[in-house]
Every structure is written in C-alpha cells, then in structure tokens.
Amino acid sequence: MTALALDGVVARYGDLQVLGPLSLELVRGQTIALVGKSGAGKSTLLSLMHQHWRSRGVALMPQDLGLVPTLSVYHNVYMGGLAQRSSWHNLVTLVRPYRHDVAQILPVLQTLGIDHKCWSATGELSGGQRQRVAAARAIYQAGEVLLADEPASALDGPMAETVLGALTQTYQTAVLAMHDVDLALRFSDRVVGIADGGIALDQPTHRVQASDLLSLY
C-alpha cells in the first residue's frame, strides 16, 4: 500500500535546477535508504518530501538537528510532542515538567544511553550526544513516517546501530538519508541512489551489495 508519493517534483536554487523532475513512491511499512555522495541532493529531496507530506504525521530529523541549545535535553525531546498537549500544558512544563511526561521521556533517553544528561543544557553536549537527543525527540514524537537526514553520522558503530534500531522500530515507514553504505543496507528494505539530480538506482535492499553503490560516490 502506498503511504506517500512524489510526482514529478523539482527543486531549484534561483534559476538553477538542482533536483528532478523525479517521482518516488513510499510504501507503508517500508524503510528507504537514500544514498549518494555529498551534494547529490539527498537533503534537498528530504526537504521536498517534508514540504509535501508535513500535514500527514511526518516527523523530521534534519541534519542540523534543530535543537535549542539553551534548553535541557528533556525539553528538547518534549518538543516532539508539543502538538499533543495544550498550550497551557506546554507552558507549565517549561518551568515544572509533569511527572507523567518525564516518565514517558526517560525510557527513550535510557534506550539511547543519554538519560544521565536529561537535565543538562543541550548546548553543553558533544555532537554525538546531541544527535541522540534529536533521535529521542523523533521517537517521542512517534508520527506515522520518519524523514531523517544522516541520523547516525556522529555516532560510533555500536551506538549508531542502537539509534538506527530504535528509530526504525518506532517508525515502520521511514526515509533515511545515509552516507554509511553498510548501515544503509542493514537498516533498510529499499535503496534509492541519488546522482546528477535524479534517481540513479531504486532496488530492494536484498538485491543490492555495497559494491553496487560505489558508482554513486
């Protein structure tokens, strides 16, 4: 079953066309790995997806993470659920978080090994820790579809696998832009390769080997 689709979309910077026209169908329950060299258009394609699908329960984990450095880890994760609470509830939690909200967020932080930083200012964390905070926020948001731009790029092997495992377990339908080919193949059902502003490869993961993707880099 088709979850979401793009049809003949184009991206331009000024007069320069940098992506498309291209069409892409996302099947419900499927994880797509977007692969390709830096500057190929993976981030631009994710941005187009978000623009077209944002009203359909889509969670975005951008490459710049979109965190507020002066707020605690807890509050940055809590922002993933702002739409699920009243404005009054959200305002109060800035000063005094509710116990039941903390009880929901702490297990997510524990899964990602960041619970000991719950009340630390996010701006004081390392790059890898901030990436885990952004992943925790996406997990807490729990939308229908995840769009993630390099969600594990700042993490070592075991932690990268932990984060990707948690994200793909939470979101059965996802598009992950990834530079690490081995991780892309391990955590996806389908591989879409981007080159020269278009789709150069679109195959089920079980038909693709890492060596098949070298021409995209």
N, C-alpha and C. Protein backbone atom coordinates (compact mmCIF):
# COMPACT_ATOMS: atom_id res chain seq x y z
N MET A 1 0.84 -1.19 0.00
CA MET A 1 0.00 0.00 0.00
C MET A 1 0.88 1.25 0.00
N THR A 2 0.59 2.17 -0.89
CA THR A 2 1.34 3.42 -0.95
C THR A 2 1.02 4.30 0.26
N ALA A 3 2.07 4.72 0.97
CA ALA A 3 1.87 5.63 2.10
C ALA A 3 1.88 7.06 1.61
N LEU A 4 2.89 7.42 0.84
CA LEU A 4 3.06 8.78 0.34
C LEU A 4 3.77 8.71 -1.01
N ALA A 5 3.61 9.76 -1.80
CA ALA A 5 4.24 9.74 -3.13
C ALA A 5 4.58 11.15 -3.58
N LEU A 6 5.65 11.25 -4.34
CA LEU A 6 6.03 12.47 -5.04
C LEU A 6 5.87 12.21 -6.53
N ASP A 7 5.41 13.20 -7.26
CA ASP A 7 5.18 13.01 -8.69
C ASP A 7 5.76 14.18 -9.47
N GLY A 8 6.88 13.95 -10.13
CA GLY A 8 7.48 14.96 -10.99
C GLY A 8 7.95 16.21 -10.27
N VAL A 9 8.44 16.06 -9.04
CA VAL A 9 8.86 17.23 -8.27
C VAL A 9 10.21 17.76 -8.77
N VAL A 10 10.40 19.07 -8.57
CA VAL A 10 11.62 19.75 -9.00
C VAL A 10 12.06 20.67 -7.87
N ALA A 11 13.38 20.78 -7.68
CA ALA A 11 13.93 21.74 -6.71
C ALA A 11 14.88 22.68 -7.44
N ARG A 12 14.76 23.96 -7.15
CA ARG A 12 15.61 24.98 -7.77
C ARG A 12 16.20 25.90 -6.71
N TYR A 13 17.41 26.34 -6.95
CA TYR A 13 18.02 27.42 -6.18
C TYR A 13 18.19 28.57 -7.15
N GLY A 14 17.32 29.57 -7.03
CA GLY A 14 17.32 30.64 -8.01
C GLY A 14 16.90 30.08 -9.36
N ASP A 15 17.71 30.32 -10.38
CA ASP A 15 17.42 29.81 -11.72
C ASP A 15 18.02 28.44 -11.97
N LEU A 16 18.77 27.92 -10.99
CA LEU A 16 19.46 26.64 -11.18
C LEU A 16 18.60 25.49 -10.67
N GLN A 17 18.29 24.56 -11.56
CA GLN A 17 17.56 23.37 -11.17
C GLN A 17 18.56 22.35 -10.63
N VAL A 18 18.36 21.94 -9.37
CA VAL A 18 19.33 21.06 -8.72
C VAL A 18 18.79 19.64 -8.52
N LEU A 19 17.50 19.47 -8.68
CA LEU A 19 16.91 18.15 -8.46
C LEU A 19 15.66 18.00 -9.29
N GLY A 20 15.54 16.82 -9.90
CA GLY A 20 14.33 16.48 -10.61
C GLY A 20 14.35 16.89 -12.08
N PRO A 21 13.18 16.71 -12.74
CA PRO A 21 11.95 16.17 -12.12
C PRO A 21 12.09 14.69 -11.77
N LEU A 22 11.55 14.33 -10.64
CA LEU A 22 11.60 12.93 -10.21
C LEU A 22 10.32 12.55 -9.48
N SER A 23 10.06 11.26 -9.49
CA SER A 23 8.88 10.72 -8.81
C SER A 23 9.34 9.60 -7.89
N LEU A 24 8.70 9.49 -6.73
CA LEU A 24 9.09 8.48 -5.76
C LEU A 24 7.86 8.08 -4.96
N GLU A 25 7.68 6.78 -4.80
CA GLU A 25 6.56 6.25 -4.04
C GLU A 25 7.10 5.56 -2.79
N LEU A 26 6.54 5.91 -1.64
CA LEU A 26 6.92 5.29 -0.38
C LEU A 26 5.81 4.33 0.05
N VAL A 27 6.17 3.08 0.19
CA VAL A 27 5.21 2.04 0.55
C VAL A 27 5.10 1.95 2.07
N ARG A 28 3.89 1.80 2.56
CA ARG A 28 3.67 1.71 4.00
C ARG A 28 4.41 0.50 4.56
N GLY A 29 5.11 0.70 5.69
CA GLY A 29 5.86 -0.38 6.32
C GLY A 29 7.25 -0.57 5.73
N GLN A 30 7.70 0.36 4.90
CA GLN A 30 8.98 0.23 4.21
C GLN A 30 9.96 1.31 4.68
N THR A 31 11.22 0.92 4.83
CA THR A 31 12.28 1.88 5.12
C THR A 31 13.16 2.04 3.90
N ILE A 32 13.25 3.27 3.40
CA ILE A 32 14.09 3.58 2.25
C ILE A 32 15.39 4.21 2.74
N ALA A 33 16.51 3.73 2.23
CA ALA A 33 17.80 4.38 2.46
C ALA A 33 18.13 5.23 1.23
N LEU A 34 18.28 6.53 1.43
CA LEU A 34 18.73 7.42 0.36
C LEU A 34 20.25 7.48 0.41
N VAL A 35 20.90 7.10 -0.68
CA VAL A 35 22.35 7.09 -0.69
C VAL A 35 22.87 7.91 -1.87
N GLY A 36 24.11 8.33 -1.77
CA GLY A 36 24.72 9.15 -2.80
C GLY A 36 25.77 10.05 -2.17
N LYS A 37 26.64 10.60 -2.98
CA LYS A 37 27.71 11.43 -2.46
C LYS A 37 27.16 12.74 -1.88
N SER A 38 27.99 13.40 -1.08
CA SER A 38 27.60 14.70 -0.52
C SER A 38 27.32 15.68 -1.64
N GLY A 39 26.21 16.40 -1.52
CA GLY A 39 25.82 17.35 -2.55
C GLY A 39 25.00 16.77 -3.67
N ALA A 40 24.71 15.46 -3.59
CA ALA A 40 23.94 14.82 -4.67
C ALA A 40 22.48 15.23 -4.66
N GLY A 41 21.98 15.68 -3.50
CA GLY A 41 20.59 16.10 -3.43
C GLY A 41 19.75 15.34 -2.43
N LYS A 42 20.40 14.53 -1.57
CA LYS A 42 19.64 13.75 -0.59
C LYS A 42 18.87 14.66 0.38
N SER A 43 19.57 15.66 0.91
CA SER A 43 18.92 16.57 1.86
C SER A 43 17.81 17.37 1.18
N THR A 44 18.06 17.78 -0.06
CA THR A 44 17.05 18.53 -0.80
C THR A 44 15.81 17.67 -1.04
N LEU A 45 16.02 16.40 -1.36
CA LEU A 45 14.89 15.51 -1.58
C LEU A 45 14.10 15.30 -0.29
N LEU A 46 14.79 15.14 0.83
CA LEU A 46 14.09 15.02 2.12
C LEU A 46 13.27 16.27 2.41
N SER A 47 13.84 17.44 2.10
CA SER A 47 13.13 18.70 2.31
C SER A 47 11.87 18.76 1.45
N LEU A 48 11.96 18.32 0.20
CA LEU A 48 10.78 18.27 -0.66
C LEU A 48 9.72 17.34 -0.10
N MET A 49 10.16 16.19 0.39
CA MET A 49 9.22 15.25 1.00
C MET A 49 8.50 15.89 2.17
N HIS A 50 9.27 16.58 3.02
CA HIS A 50 8.66 17.20 4.19
C HIS A 50 7.67 18.28 3.79
N GLN A 51 8.01 19.07 2.78
CA GLN A 51 7.10 20.11 2.32
C GLN A 51 5.78 19.52 1.81
N HIS A 52 5.87 18.40 1.10
CA HIS A 52 4.68 17.81 0.50
C HIS A 52 3.88 16.98 1.51
N TRP A 53 4.54 16.46 2.53
CA TRP A 53 3.88 15.48 3.39
C TRP A 53 3.71 15.93 4.84
N ARG A 54 4.12 17.15 5.19
CA ARG A 54 4.19 17.53 6.60
C ARG A 54 2.85 17.45 7.31
N SER A 55 1.75 17.54 6.59
CA SER A 55 0.43 17.51 7.22
C SER A 55 -0.06 16.08 7.46
N ARG A 56 0.78 15.09 7.18
CA ARG A 56 0.34 13.70 7.27
C ARG A 56 1.08 12.93 8.37
N GLY A 57 1.39 13.57 9.46
CA GLY A 57 2.02 12.88 10.57
C GLY A 57 3.46 12.51 10.31
N VAL A 58 4.18 13.37 9.59
CA VAL A 58 5.58 13.10 9.25
C VAL A 58 6.49 13.77 10.26
N ALA A 59 7.43 13.00 10.81
CA ALA A 59 8.44 13.53 11.73
C ALA A 59 9.73 13.75 10.95
N LEU A 60 10.37 14.88 11.21
CA LEU A 60 11.62 15.22 10.51
C LEU A 60 12.77 15.29 11.51
N MET A 61 13.86 14.61 11.18
CA MET A 61 15.11 14.72 11.92
C MET A 61 16.13 15.31 10.97
N PRO A 62 16.29 16.65 10.97
CA PRO A 62 17.17 17.29 9.99
C PRO A 62 18.65 17.09 10.34
N GLN A 63 19.50 17.33 9.35
CA GLN A 63 20.93 17.14 9.57
C GLN A 63 21.48 18.13 10.59
N ASP A 64 20.90 19.34 10.65
CA ASP A 64 21.35 20.32 11.64
C ASP A 64 20.70 20.11 13.00
N LEU A 65 19.86 19.07 13.10
CA LEU A 65 19.22 18.58 14.32
C LEU A 65 18.09 19.45 14.84
N GLY A 66 18.16 20.78 14.67
CA GLY A 66 17.05 21.65 15.07
C GLY A 66 16.81 21.69 16.57
N LEU A 67 17.87 21.58 17.36
CA LEU A 67 17.74 21.62 18.82
C LEU A 67 17.89 23.05 19.33
N VAL A 68 17.38 23.29 20.54
CA VAL A 68 17.54 24.60 21.19
C VAL A 68 18.65 24.44 22.23
N PRO A 69 19.83 25.02 22.00
CA PRO A 69 20.99 24.77 22.87
C PRO A 69 20.77 25.15 24.32
N THR A 70 19.98 26.20 24.58
CA THR A 70 19.82 26.68 25.95
C THR A 70 18.82 25.86 26.75
N LEU A 71 18.03 25.04 26.09
CA LEU A 71 17.07 24.20 26.79
C LEU A 71 17.69 22.86 27.17
N SER A 72 17.12 22.24 28.18
CA SER A 72 17.62 20.94 28.63
C SER A 72 17.34 19.85 27.58
N VAL A 73 18.02 18.73 27.76
CA VAL A 73 17.75 17.57 26.92
C VAL A 73 16.27 17.20 27.02
N TYR A 74 15.76 17.17 28.24
CA TYR A 74 14.35 16.83 28.44
C TYR A 74 13.44 17.73 27.61
N HIS A 75 13.63 19.03 27.68
CA HIS A 75 12.74 19.94 26.99
C HIS A 75 12.88 19.84 25.47
N ASN A 76 14.08 19.56 24.98
CA ASN A 76 14.24 19.37 23.54
C ASN A 76 13.51 18.13 23.06
N VAL A 77 13.55 17.08 23.85
CA VAL A 77 12.81 15.87 23.48
C VAL A 77 11.31 16.12 23.60
N TYR A 78 10.90 16.81 24.65
CA TYR A 78 9.48 17.10 24.87
C TYR A 78 8.88 17.85 23.69
N MET A 79 9.69 18.67 23.00
CA MET A 79 9.18 19.44 21.86
C MET A 79 8.62 18.54 20.77
N GLY A 80 9.05 17.30 20.72
CA GLY A 80 8.48 16.37 19.75
C GLY A 80 7.01 16.11 19.97
N GLY A 81 6.53 16.37 21.19
CA GLY A 81 5.12 16.11 21.50
C GLY A 81 4.30 17.35 21.74
N LEU A 82 4.81 18.52 21.34
CA LEU A 82 4.08 19.77 21.59
C LEU A 82 2.66 19.75 21.05
N ALA A 83 2.49 19.18 19.87
CA ALA A 83 1.17 19.18 19.23
C ALA A 83 0.17 18.30 19.97
N GLN A 84 0.67 17.42 20.84
CA GLN A 84 -0.22 16.50 21.56
C GLN A 84 -0.72 17.08 22.88
N ARG A 85 -0.23 18.27 23.24
CA ARG A 85 -0.59 18.88 24.52
C ARG A 85 -1.21 20.25 24.29
N SER A 86 -1.91 20.74 25.29
CA SER A 86 -2.48 22.09 25.21
C SER A 86 -1.38 23.12 25.38
N SER A 87 -1.64 24.34 24.93
CA SER A 87 -0.66 25.42 25.07
C SER A 87 -0.35 25.66 26.55
N TRP A 88 -1.36 25.56 27.42
CA TRP A 88 -1.14 25.76 28.85
C TRP A 88 -0.22 24.69 29.42
N HIS A 89 -0.45 23.45 29.05
CA HIS A 89 0.38 22.33 29.50
C HIS A 89 1.83 22.54 29.07
N ASN A 90 2.01 22.94 27.82
CA ASN A 90 3.36 23.17 27.30
C ASN A 90 4.06 24.31 28.02
N LEU A 91 3.31 25.34 28.35
CA LEU A 91 3.89 26.49 29.06
C LEU A 91 4.33 26.10 30.47
N VAL A 92 3.48 25.36 31.17
CA VAL A 92 3.80 24.95 32.53
C VAL A 92 5.04 24.05 32.56
N THR A 93 5.15 23.16 31.58
CA THR A 93 6.26 22.21 31.60
C THR A 93 7.61 22.86 31.38
N LEU A 94 7.62 24.09 30.84
CA LEU A 94 8.87 24.82 30.73
C LEU A 94 9.46 25.13 32.10
N VAL A 95 8.59 25.33 33.07
CA VAL A 95 9.01 25.68 34.43
C VAL A 95 9.08 24.45 35.33
N ARG A 96 8.05 23.62 35.24
CA ARG A 96 7.97 22.45 36.12
C ARG A 96 7.37 21.27 35.36
N PRO A 97 8.22 20.43 34.78
CA PRO A 97 7.72 19.29 34.00
C PRO A 97 6.81 18.38 34.81
N TYR A 98 5.78 17.88 34.17
CA TYR A 98 4.87 16.95 34.81
C TYR A 98 5.53 15.57 34.93
N ARG A 99 5.23 14.90 36.04
CA ARG A 99 5.86 13.60 36.29
C ARG A 99 5.56 12.58 35.20
N HIS A 100 4.31 12.58 34.73
CA HIS A 100 3.96 11.57 33.73
C HIS A 100 4.65 11.82 32.40
N ASP A 101 4.96 13.10 32.08
CA ASP A 101 5.72 13.39 30.86
C ASP A 101 7.16 12.92 31.02
N VAL A 102 7.73 13.18 32.19
CA VAL A 102 9.11 12.72 32.46
C VAL A 102 9.17 11.21 32.40
N ALA A 103 8.15 10.54 32.91
CA ALA A 103 8.11 9.08 32.92
C ALA A 103 8.03 8.50 31.51
N GLN A 104 7.51 9.27 30.55
CA GLN A 104 7.46 8.82 29.16
C GLN A 104 8.79 9.06 28.44
N ILE A 105 9.45 10.15 28.78
CA ILE A 105 10.66 10.54 28.06
C ILE A 105 11.90 9.82 28.58
N LEU A 106 12.00 9.60 29.89
CA LEU A 106 13.20 8.97 30.44
C LEU A 106 13.53 7.61 29.82
N PRO A 107 12.55 6.72 29.58
CA PRO A 107 12.87 5.44 28.97
C PRO A 107 13.46 5.58 27.56
N VAL A 108 13.02 6.59 26.82
CA VAL A 108 13.58 6.84 25.49
C VAL A 108 15.04 7.24 25.61
N LEU A 109 15.33 8.13 26.56
CA LEU A 109 16.70 8.56 26.78
C LEU A 109 17.56 7.40 27.26
N GLN A 110 17.00 6.52 28.06
CA GLN A 110 17.74 5.36 28.55
C GLN A 110 18.10 4.43 27.40
N THR A 111 17.16 4.22 26.49
CA THR A 111 17.42 3.36 25.33
C THR A 111 18.60 3.87 24.52
N LEU A 112 18.73 5.19 24.44
CA LEU A 112 19.80 5.79 23.64
C LEU A 112 21.02 6.16 24.48
N GLY A 113 21.04 5.75 25.74
CA GLY A 113 22.20 5.97 26.60
C GLY A 113 22.48 7.41 26.94
N ILE A 114 21.43 8.22 27.05
CA ILE A 114 21.60 9.66 27.28
C ILE A 114 20.77 10.13 28.47
N ASP A 115 20.21 9.21 29.24
CA ASP A 115 19.33 9.59 30.35
C ASP A 115 20.07 10.38 31.44
N HIS A 116 21.38 10.15 31.59
CA HIS A 116 22.15 10.87 32.62
C HIS A 116 22.32 12.34 32.26
N LYS A 117 21.97 12.73 31.05
CA LYS A 117 22.06 14.13 30.62
C LYS A 117 20.68 14.78 30.54
N CYS A 118 19.68 14.15 31.14
CA CYS A 118 18.30 14.61 30.98
C CYS A 118 18.11 16.09 31.28
N TRP A 119 18.75 16.58 32.32
CA TRP A 119 18.52 17.97 32.73
C TRP A 119 19.69 18.89 32.37
N SER A 120 20.61 18.40 31.55
CA SER A 120 21.73 19.23 31.08
C SER A 120 21.28 20.08 29.91
N ALA A 121 21.89 21.25 29.78
CA ALA A 121 21.62 22.09 28.60
C ALA A 121 22.17 21.38 27.36
N THR A 122 21.37 21.33 26.33
CA THR A 122 21.76 20.59 25.13
C THR A 122 23.00 21.18 24.49
N GLY A 123 23.20 22.48 24.61
CA GLY A 123 24.37 23.12 24.02
C GLY A 123 25.67 22.69 24.66
N GLU A 124 25.62 22.05 25.83
CA GLU A 124 26.83 21.59 26.52
C GLU A 124 27.24 20.19 26.09
N LEU A 125 26.46 19.54 25.25
CA LEU A 125 26.71 18.15 24.89
C LEU A 125 27.65 18.03 23.69
N SER A 126 28.21 16.86 23.52
CA SER A 126 29.02 16.56 22.34
C SER A 126 28.13 16.39 21.12
N GLY A 127 28.73 16.36 19.95
CA GLY A 127 27.94 16.19 18.73
C GLY A 127 27.16 14.89 18.70
N GLY A 128 27.79 13.81 19.15
CA GLY A 128 27.10 12.53 19.18
C GLY A 128 25.95 12.51 20.16
N GLN A 129 26.14 13.15 21.30
CA GLN A 129 25.06 13.23 22.29
C GLN A 129 23.89 14.04 21.77
N ARG A 130 24.19 15.15 21.09
CA ARG A 130 23.10 15.97 20.52
C ARG A 130 22.34 15.19 19.46
N GLN A 131 23.05 14.38 18.70
CA GLN A 131 22.37 13.58 17.69
C GLN A 131 21.43 12.58 18.34
N ARG A 132 21.81 12.05 19.47
CA ARG A 132 20.93 11.13 20.19
C ARG A 132 19.72 11.86 20.77
N VAL A 133 19.91 13.11 21.18
CA VAL A 133 18.77 13.91 21.66
C VAL A 133 17.77 14.11 20.52
N ALA A 134 18.26 14.43 19.33
CA ALA A 134 17.37 14.62 18.18
C ALA A 134 16.64 13.32 17.84
N ALA A 135 17.34 12.20 17.95
CA ALA A 135 16.70 10.91 17.70
C ALA A 135 15.63 10.63 18.75
N ALA A 136 15.94 10.96 20.01
CA ALA A 136 14.95 10.76 21.08
C ALA A 136 13.71 11.61 20.84
N ARG A 137 13.90 12.83 20.37
CA ARG A 137 12.76 13.71 20.08
C ARG A 137 11.89 13.09 18.98
N ALA A 138 12.52 12.56 17.94
CA ALA A 138 11.75 11.93 16.86
C ALA A 138 11.00 10.70 17.36
N ILE A 139 11.64 9.92 18.21
CA ILE A 139 11.00 8.73 18.77
C ILE A 139 9.81 9.13 19.64
N TYR A 140 9.98 10.16 20.46
CA TYR A 140 8.91 10.63 21.33
C TYR A 140 7.75 11.20 20.51
N GLN A 141 8.06 11.81 19.39
CA GLN A 141 7.01 12.37 18.53
C GLN A 141 6.12 11.27 17.97
N ALA A 142 6.74 10.16 17.57
CA ALA A 142 6.00 8.97 17.15
C ALA A 142 4.95 9.27 16.08
N GLY A 143 5.37 9.90 15.00
CA GLY A 143 4.46 10.13 13.88
C GLY A 143 4.29 8.87 13.04
N GLU A 144 3.68 9.02 11.88
CA GLU A 144 3.45 7.87 11.02
C GLU A 144 4.65 7.57 10.14
N VAL A 145 5.39 8.61 9.75
CA VAL A 145 6.52 8.46 8.84
C VAL A 145 7.70 9.27 9.38
N LEU A 146 8.89 8.73 9.26
CA LEU A 146 10.11 9.44 9.68
C LEU A 146 10.93 9.81 8.46
N LEU A 147 11.36 11.06 8.40
CA LEU A 147 12.34 11.53 7.43
C LEU A 147 13.57 11.94 8.22
N ALA A 148 14.68 11.25 8.03
CA ALA A 148 15.88 11.51 8.83
C ALA A 148 17.08 11.72 7.92
N ASP A 149 17.80 12.81 8.17
CA ASP A 149 18.96 13.19 7.36
C ASP A 149 20.23 12.88 8.14
N GLU A 150 20.92 11.82 7.75
CA GLU A 150 22.15 11.37 8.42
C GLU A 150 21.93 11.21 9.92
N PRO A 151 21.01 10.34 10.33
CA PRO A 151 20.64 10.24 11.75
C PRO A 151 21.70 9.64 12.65
N ALA A 152 22.75 9.05 12.08
CA ALA A 152 23.77 8.41 12.92
C ALA A 152 25.18 8.81 12.51
N SER A 153 25.33 9.91 11.80
CA SER A 153 26.64 10.29 11.24
C SER A 153 27.68 10.62 12.29
N ALA A 154 27.27 11.06 13.49
CA ALA A 154 28.22 11.45 14.54
C ALA A 154 28.42 10.36 15.58
N LEU A 155 27.93 9.15 15.30
CA LEU A 155 27.96 8.08 16.28
C LEU A 155 28.90 6.96 15.87
N ASP A 156 29.49 6.28 16.87
CA ASP A 156 30.34 5.14 16.57
C ASP A 156 29.47 3.93 16.21
N GLY A 157 30.11 2.84 15.82
CA GLY A 157 29.39 1.68 15.32
C GLY A 157 28.28 1.16 16.20
N PRO A 158 28.56 0.75 17.45
CA PRO A 158 27.50 0.19 18.31
C PRO A 158 26.38 1.19 18.60
N MET A 159 26.73 2.45 18.87
CA MET A 159 25.69 3.43 19.18
C MET A 159 24.89 3.79 17.93
N ALA A 160 25.56 3.83 16.78
CA ALA A 160 24.85 4.08 15.52
C ALA A 160 23.78 3.01 15.30
N GLU A 161 24.13 1.77 15.57
CA GLU A 161 23.18 0.68 15.41
C GLU A 161 22.05 0.77 16.42
N THR A 162 22.37 1.18 17.64
CA THR A 162 21.34 1.35 18.67
C THR A 162 20.33 2.41 18.25
N VAL A 163 20.84 3.55 17.79
CA VAL A 163 19.96 4.66 17.40
C VAL A 163 19.13 4.28 16.18
N LEU A 164 19.75 3.72 15.17
CA LEU A 164 19.00 3.34 13.97
C LEU A 164 17.98 2.25 14.28
N GLY A 165 18.35 1.33 15.15
CA GLY A 165 17.41 0.29 15.55
C GLY A 165 16.20 0.87 16.26
N ALA A 166 16.43 1.83 17.16
CA ALA A 166 15.33 2.46 17.88
C ALA A 166 14.43 3.26 16.95
N LEU A 167 15.04 3.99 16.02
CA LEU A 167 14.25 4.79 15.07
C LEU A 167 13.40 3.91 14.17
N THR A 168 13.99 2.86 13.61
CA THR A 168 13.25 2.02 12.68
C THR A 168 12.26 1.11 13.38
N GLN A 169 12.46 0.87 14.66
CA GLN A 169 11.45 0.13 15.42
C GLN A 169 10.24 1.00 15.71
N THR A 170 10.49 2.29 15.96
CA THR A 170 9.39 3.22 16.23
C THR A 170 8.63 3.55 14.97
N TYR A 171 9.35 3.74 13.87
CA TYR A 171 8.75 4.12 12.60
C TYR A 171 8.89 2.98 11.60
N GLN A 172 7.78 2.32 11.33
CA GLN A 172 7.81 1.22 10.36
C GLN A 172 7.94 1.74 8.93
N THR A 173 7.61 3.02 8.74
CA THR A 173 7.73 3.66 7.43
C THR A 173 8.70 4.83 7.57
N ALA A 174 9.79 4.81 6.80
CA ALA A 174 10.83 5.83 7.00
C ALA A 174 11.65 6.02 5.74
N VAL A 175 12.24 7.23 5.63
CA VAL A 175 13.23 7.53 4.60
C VAL A 175 14.45 8.06 5.34
N LEU A 176 15.58 7.37 5.19
CA LEU A 176 16.80 7.72 5.89
C LEU A 176 17.88 8.08 4.87
N ALA A 177 18.33 9.33 4.88
CA ALA A 177 19.46 9.72 4.04
C ALA A 177 20.72 9.34 4.78
N MET A 178 21.56 8.50 4.16
CA MET A 178 22.71 7.96 4.87
C MET A 178 23.94 7.91 3.97
N HIS A 179 25.08 8.20 4.57
CA HIS A 179 26.34 8.14 3.84
C HIS A 179 27.02 6.78 4.05
N ASP A 180 26.80 6.17 5.20
CA ASP A 180 27.39 4.87 5.52
C ASP A 180 26.62 3.78 4.79
N VAL A 181 27.24 3.21 3.78
CA VAL A 181 26.56 2.23 2.93
C VAL A 181 26.19 0.97 3.70
N ASP A 182 27.11 0.48 4.54
CA ASP A 182 26.83 -0.75 5.28
C ASP A 182 25.62 -0.60 6.20
N LEU A 183 25.54 0.54 6.90
CA LEU A 183 24.38 0.79 7.76
C LEU A 183 23.11 0.97 6.94
N ALA A 184 23.25 1.64 5.80
CA ALA A 184 22.08 1.84 4.93
C ALA A 184 21.50 0.50 4.50
N LEU A 185 22.35 -0.43 4.14
CA LEU A 185 21.87 -1.74 3.69
C LEU A 185 21.30 -2.55 4.86
N ARG A 186 21.84 -2.35 6.04
CA ARG A 186 21.41 -3.14 7.20
C ARG A 186 20.05 -2.69 7.72
N PHE A 187 19.75 -1.41 7.59
CA PHE A 187 18.54 -0.88 8.23
C PHE A 187 17.49 -0.41 7.22
N SER A 188 17.52 -0.93 6.04
CA SER A 188 16.52 -0.54 5.04
C SER A 188 15.94 -1.74 4.33
N ASP A 189 14.79 -1.52 3.71
CA ASP A 189 14.16 -2.53 2.86
C ASP A 189 14.39 -2.22 1.38
N ARG A 190 14.74 -0.96 1.13
CA ARG A 190 14.85 -0.49 -0.26
C ARG A 190 15.92 0.60 -0.32
N VAL A 191 16.70 0.60 -1.38
CA VAL A 191 17.77 1.57 -1.56
C VAL A 191 17.46 2.44 -2.77
N VAL A 192 17.49 3.76 -2.56
CA VAL A 192 17.32 4.72 -3.64
C VAL A 192 18.60 5.54 -3.74
N GLY A 193 19.27 5.45 -4.89
CA GLY A 193 20.51 6.18 -5.10
C GLY A 193 20.26 7.47 -5.87
N ILE A 194 20.83 8.57 -5.37
CA ILE A 194 20.66 9.88 -5.99
C ILE A 194 21.96 10.30 -6.66
N ALA A 195 21.87 10.73 -7.90
CA ALA A 195 23.05 11.23 -8.64
C ALA A 195 22.57 12.17 -9.73
N ASP A 196 23.34 13.24 -9.93
CA ASP A 196 23.04 14.21 -11.00
C ASP A 196 21.60 14.72 -10.95
N GLY A 197 21.09 14.91 -9.75
CA GLY A 197 19.76 15.49 -9.59
C GLY A 197 18.61 14.55 -9.85
N GLY A 198 18.89 13.27 -9.98
CA GLY A 198 17.81 12.32 -10.25
C GLY A 198 18.03 11.00 -9.54
N ILE A 199 17.12 10.08 -9.75
CA ILE A 199 17.21 8.75 -9.15
C ILE A 199 18.00 7.85 -10.09
N ALA A 200 19.17 7.43 -9.62
CA ALA A 200 20.05 6.59 -10.44
C ALA A 200 19.88 5.11 -10.13
N LEU A 201 19.27 4.80 -8.99
CA LEU A 201 19.09 3.41 -8.58
C LEU A 201 17.89 3.34 -7.66
N ASP A 202 17.09 2.31 -7.81
CA ASP A 202 15.94 2.08 -6.94
C ASP A 202 15.69 0.57 -6.92
N GLN A 203 16.17 -0.07 -5.83
CA GLN A 203 16.10 -1.53 -5.75
C GLN A 203 15.79 -1.98 -4.33
N PRO A 204 15.15 -3.14 -4.19
CA PRO A 204 15.02 -3.74 -2.86
C PRO A 204 16.42 -4.01 -2.30
N THR A 205 16.59 -3.82 -1.01
CA THR A 205 17.91 -3.96 -0.40
C THR A 205 18.52 -5.33 -0.62
N HIS A 206 17.70 -6.38 -0.62
CA HIS A 206 18.26 -7.72 -0.75
C HIS A 206 18.87 -7.97 -2.13
N ARG A 207 18.62 -7.08 -3.06
CA ARG A 207 19.22 -7.22 -4.40
C ARG A 207 20.47 -6.35 -4.58
N VAL A 208 20.86 -5.66 -3.53
CA VAL A 208 21.94 -4.68 -3.64
C VAL A 208 23.09 -5.07 -2.71
N GLN A 209 24.31 -4.94 -3.20
CA GLN A 209 25.50 -5.09 -2.38
C GLN A 209 26.22 -3.75 -2.29
N ALA A 210 27.07 -3.61 -1.29
CA ALA A 210 27.79 -2.35 -1.11
C ALA A 210 28.57 -1.98 -2.36
N SER A 211 29.14 -2.94 -3.03
CA SER A 211 29.94 -2.66 -4.23
C SER A 211 29.09 -2.09 -5.36
N ASP A 212 27.79 -2.38 -5.35
CA ASP A 212 26.90 -1.87 -6.40
C ASP A 212 26.70 -0.37 -6.28
N LEU A 213 26.98 0.18 -5.10
CA LEU A 213 26.71 1.59 -4.84
C LEU A 213 27.94 2.48 -5.02
N LEU A 214 29.09 1.89 -5.31
CA LEU A 214 30.33 2.67 -5.40
C LEU A 214 30.26 3.75 -6.49
N SER A 215 29.55 3.46 -7.56
CA SER A 215 29.47 4.43 -8.67
C SER A 215 28.72 5.69 -8.27
N LEU A 216 27.98 5.65 -7.14
CA LEU A 216 27.24 6.81 -6.70
C LEU A 216 28.10 7.78 -5.87
N TYR A 217 29.33 7.35 -5.55
CA TYR A 217 30.19 8.14 -4.67
C TYR A 217 31.44 8.64 -5.41
